[in-house]
Amino acid sequence: QVQLVESGGGLVQPGGSLRLSCSASEYIFGINTMAWYRLTPGKERVLVAAIAKSGNTNYTDSVKGRFTISGDNARNTVYLQMNSLKPEDTGVYYCNIVAHGINYWGKGTLVAVSS
């Protein structure tokens, strides 16, 4: 079974940067979208950023101008460059890949922004 593995999370001070990576354990054919979601205690899961097969991207308003999503379909890898981090960016970030109507999820990586 395909597994997605995230890395790159950690503790960072406000204003700092982190780069999240997500790779699939096996090649996934027919990827439609790759995305990052964030889950914060007491809140619903939020779509942070997504990139379509076409290369089109979309971001939740709170991260526009600070976060950049990129993907490598050939390597089944998706990245999230996070700059100018704020405490409200804190949460567990999950990688998601959709292919042929199937949702693949990682187990999450914790991002904590605090001084």
C-alpha atoms as a PDB file:
ATOM      1  CA  GLN A   1       0.000   0.000   0.000  1.00  0.00           C
ATOM      2  CA  VAL A   2       1.285   3.434  -0.916  1.00  0.00           C
ATOM      3  CA  GLN A   3       2.508   5.516   1.994  1.00  0.00           C
ATOM      4  CA  LEU A   4       3.250   9.211   2.065  1.00  0.00           C
ATOM      5  CA  VAL A   5       6.059  10.325   4.328  1.00  0.00           C
ATOM      6  CA  GLU A   6       6.394  13.939   5.414  1.00  0.00           C
ATOM      7  CA  SER A   7       9.507  15.573   6.776  1.00  0.00           C
ATOM      8  CA  GLY A   8      10.824  19.017   7.585  1.00  0.00           C
ATOM      9  CA  GLY A   9       8.632  20.034  10.486  1.00  0.00           C
ATOM     10  CA  GLY A  10       9.966  21.397  13.735  1.00  0.00           C
ATOM     11  CA  LEU A  11      10.094  24.304  16.127  1.00  0.00           C
ATOM     12  CA  VAL A  12      10.878  27.696  14.667  1.00  0.00           C
ATOM     13  CA  GLN A  13      10.728  31.267  15.897  1.00  0.00           C
ATOM     14  CA  PRO A  14       8.275  33.745  14.399  1.00  0.00           C
ATOM     15  CA  GLY A  15       9.644  35.095  11.151  1.00  0.00           C
ATOM     16  CA  GLY A  16      11.586  31.944  10.464  1.00  0.00           C
ATOM     17  CA  SER A  17      11.303  29.460   7.622  1.00  0.00           C
ATOM     18  CA  LEU A  18      10.752  25.758   7.159  1.00  0.00           C
ATOM     19  CA  ARG A  19      10.519  23.526   4.120  1.00  0.00           C
ATOM     20  CA  LEU A  20       8.231  20.538   4.271  1.00  0.00           C
ATOM     21  CA  SER A  21       8.712  17.567   1.968  1.00  0.00           C
ATOM     22  CA  CYS A  22       6.455  14.652   1.179  1.00  0.00           C
ATOM     23  CA  SER A  23       7.386  11.564  -0.795  1.00  0.00           C
ATOM     24  CA  ALA A  24       5.438   8.498  -1.797  1.00  0.00           C
ATOM     25  CA  SER A  25       6.740   5.015  -1.030  1.00  0.00           C
ATOM     26  CA  GLU A  26       5.702   3.825  -4.484  1.00  0.00           C
ATOM     27  CA  TYR A  27       5.091   5.494  -7.787  1.00  0.00           C
ATOM     28  CA  ILE A  28       1.566   6.897  -8.064  1.00  0.00           C
ATOM     29  CA  PHE A  29       0.119   6.979 -11.557  1.00  0.00           C
ATOM     30  CA  GLY A  30      -2.204   9.707 -12.711  1.00  0.00           C
ATOM     31  CA  ILE A  31      -1.745  12.303 -10.008  1.00  0.00           C
ATOM     32  CA  ASN A  32      -4.368  15.039 -10.217  1.00  0.00           C
ATOM     33  CA  THR A  33      -3.467  17.202  -7.247  1.00  0.00           C
ATOM     34  CA  MET A  34      -0.927  17.389  -4.443  1.00  0.00           C
ATOM     35  CA  ALA A  35      -1.671  19.426  -1.371  1.00  0.00           C
ATOM     36  CA  TRP A  36      -0.834  20.292   2.197  1.00  0.00           C
ATOM     37  CA  TYR A  37      -3.418  20.484   4.963  1.00  0.00           C
ATOM     38  CA  ARG A  38      -3.050  21.760   8.509  1.00  0.00           C
ATOM     39  CA  LEU A  39      -4.795  20.499  11.611  1.00  0.00           C
ATOM     40  CA  THR A  40      -4.815  22.597  14.747  1.00  0.00           C
ATOM     41  CA  PRO A  41      -6.399  21.424  18.029  1.00  0.00           C
ATOM     42  CA  GLY A  42      -9.965  22.602  18.311  1.00  0.00           C
ATOM     43  CA  LYS A  43     -10.168  23.597  14.664  1.00  0.00           C
ATOM     44  CA  GLU A  44     -11.132  21.914  11.435  1.00  0.00           C
ATOM     45  CA  ARG A  45      -8.544  20.703   8.976  1.00  0.00           C
ATOM     46  CA  VAL A  46      -7.583  23.500   6.614  1.00  0.00           C
ATOM     47  CA  LEU A  47      -6.341  23.234   3.070  1.00  0.00           C
ATOM     48  CA  VAL A  48      -3.155  25.289   3.190  1.00  0.00           C
ATOM     49  CA  ALA A  49      -1.943  24.926  -0.386  1.00  0.00           C
ATOM     50  CA  ALA A  50      -2.566  22.777  -3.431  1.00  0.00           C
ATOM     51  CA  ILE A  51      -0.991  22.256  -6.806  1.00  0.00           C
ATOM     52  CA  ALA A  52      -2.794  20.712  -9.743  1.00  0.00           C
ATOM     53  CA  LYS A  53      -1.396  18.564 -12.515  1.00  0.00           C
ATOM     54  CA  SER A  54      -1.541  21.666 -14.693  1.00  0.00           C
ATOM     55  CA  GLY A  55       0.748  23.485 -12.308  1.00  0.00           C
ATOM     56  CA  ASN A  56      -1.969  25.807 -11.078  1.00  0.00           C
ATOM     57  CA  THR A  57      -1.723  26.542  -7.395  1.00  0.00           C
ATOM     58  CA  ASN A  58      -4.037  27.849  -4.747  1.00  0.00           C
ATOM     59  CA  TYR A  59      -3.465  28.931  -1.173  1.00  0.00           C
ATOM     60  CA  THR A  60      -5.545  29.715   1.825  1.00  0.00           C
ATOM     61  CA  ASP A  61      -5.631  33.478   2.306  1.00  0.00           C
ATOM     62  CA  SER A  62      -3.580  33.490   5.495  1.00  0.00           C
ATOM     63  CA  VAL A  63      -0.480  32.062   3.798  1.00  0.00           C
ATOM     64  CA  LYS A  64      -0.560  33.869   0.456  1.00  0.00           C
ATOM     65  CA  GLY A  65       2.733  35.568  -0.228  1.00  0.00           C
ATOM     66  CA  ARG A  66       4.509  33.554   2.462  1.00  0.00           C
ATOM     67  CA  PHE A  67       4.135  29.904   1.463  1.00  0.00           C
ATOM     68  CA  THR A  68       4.995  28.263  -1.834  1.00  0.00           C
ATOM     69  CA  ILE A  69       3.914  24.791  -2.902  1.00  0.00           C
ATOM     70  CA  SER A  70       5.793  22.891  -5.562  1.00  0.00           C
ATOM     71  CA  GLY A  71       5.592  19.396  -6.855  1.00  0.00           C
ATOM     72  CA  ASP A  72       7.505  16.854  -8.835  1.00  0.00           C
ATOM     73  CA  ASN A  73       5.027  14.397 -10.332  1.00  0.00           C
ATOM     74  CA  ALA A  74       7.767  12.229 -11.755  1.00  0.00           C
ATOM     75  CA  ARG A  75       9.167  11.705  -8.287  1.00  0.00           C
ATOM     76  CA  ASN A  76       5.825  11.810  -6.502  1.00  0.00           C
ATOM     77  CA  THR A  77       7.175  14.501  -4.225  1.00  0.00           C
ATOM     78  CA  VAL A  78       5.554  17.691  -3.015  1.00  0.00           C
ATOM     79  CA  TYR A  79       7.141  20.519  -1.085  1.00  0.00           C
ATOM     80  CA  LEU A  80       5.891  23.422   0.974  1.00  0.00           C
ATOM     81  CA  GLN A  81       8.269  26.320   1.498  1.00  0.00           C
ATOM     82  CA  MET A  82       7.074  28.329   4.462  1.00  0.00           C
ATOM     83  CA  ASN A  83       8.554  31.762   5.076  1.00  0.00           C
ATOM     84  CA  SER A  84       7.772  34.524   7.549  1.00  0.00           C
ATOM     85  CA  LEU A  85       6.170  31.988   9.834  1.00  0.00           C
ATOM     86  CA  LYS A  86       3.649  33.156  12.409  1.00  0.00           C
ATOM     87  CA  PRO A  87       2.409  31.503  15.592  1.00  0.00           C
ATOM     88  CA  GLU A  88      -0.957  30.916  13.915  1.00  0.00           C
ATOM     89  CA  ASP A  89       0.801  28.679  11.372  1.00  0.00           C
ATOM     90  CA  THR A  90       1.349  26.162  14.143  1.00  0.00           C
ATOM     91  CA  GLY A  91      -0.220  22.765  13.596  1.00  0.00           C
ATOM     92  CA  VAL A  92       0.260  19.324  12.160  1.00  0.00           C
ATOM     93  CA  TYR A  93       0.762  19.475   8.422  1.00  0.00           C
ATOM     94  CA  TYR A  94      -0.484  16.593   6.315  1.00  0.00           C
ATOM     95  CA  CYS A  95       0.474  15.771   2.781  1.00  0.00           C
ATOM     96  CA  ASN A  96      -2.307  14.719   0.413  1.00  0.00           C
ATOM     97  CA  ILE A  97      -2.099  13.296  -3.089  1.00  0.00           C
ATOM     98  CA  VAL A  98      -5.153  12.570  -5.202  1.00  0.00           C
ATOM     99  CA  ALA A  99      -4.924  10.190  -8.116  1.00  0.00           C
ATOM    100  CA  HIS A 100      -7.800   8.515  -9.957  1.00  0.00           C
ATOM    101  CA  GLY A 101     -10.185   9.530  -7.202  1.00  0.00           C
ATOM    102  CA  ILE A 102      -8.056   7.968  -4.488  1.00  0.00           C
ATOM    103  CA  ASN A 103      -6.855  10.119  -1.591  1.00  0.00           C
ATOM    104  CA  TYR A 104      -3.457   9.309  -0.168  1.00  0.00           C
ATOM    105  CA  TRP A 105      -2.483  10.834   3.168  1.00  0.00           C
ATOM    106  CA  GLY A 106       0.675  11.127   5.166  1.00  0.00           C
ATOM    107  CA  LYS A 107       0.815  10.794   8.931  1.00  0.00           C
ATOM    108  CA  GLY A 108       1.675  14.441   9.429  1.00  0.00           C
ATOM    109  CA  THR A 109       4.587  16.534  10.582  1.00  0.00           C
ATOM    110  CA  LEU A 110       4.395  19.033  13.421  1.00  0.00           C
ATOM    111  CA  VAL A 111       5.194  22.676  12.807  1.00  0.00           C
ATOM    112  CA  ALA A 112       5.452  24.818  15.919  1.00  0.00           C
ATOM    113  CA  VAL A 113       6.045  28.550  15.646  1.00  0.00           C
ATOM    114  CA  SER A 114       6.928  30.077  18.962  1.00  0.00           C
ATOM    115  CA  SER A 115       9.427  32.387  20.577  1.00  0.00           C
END
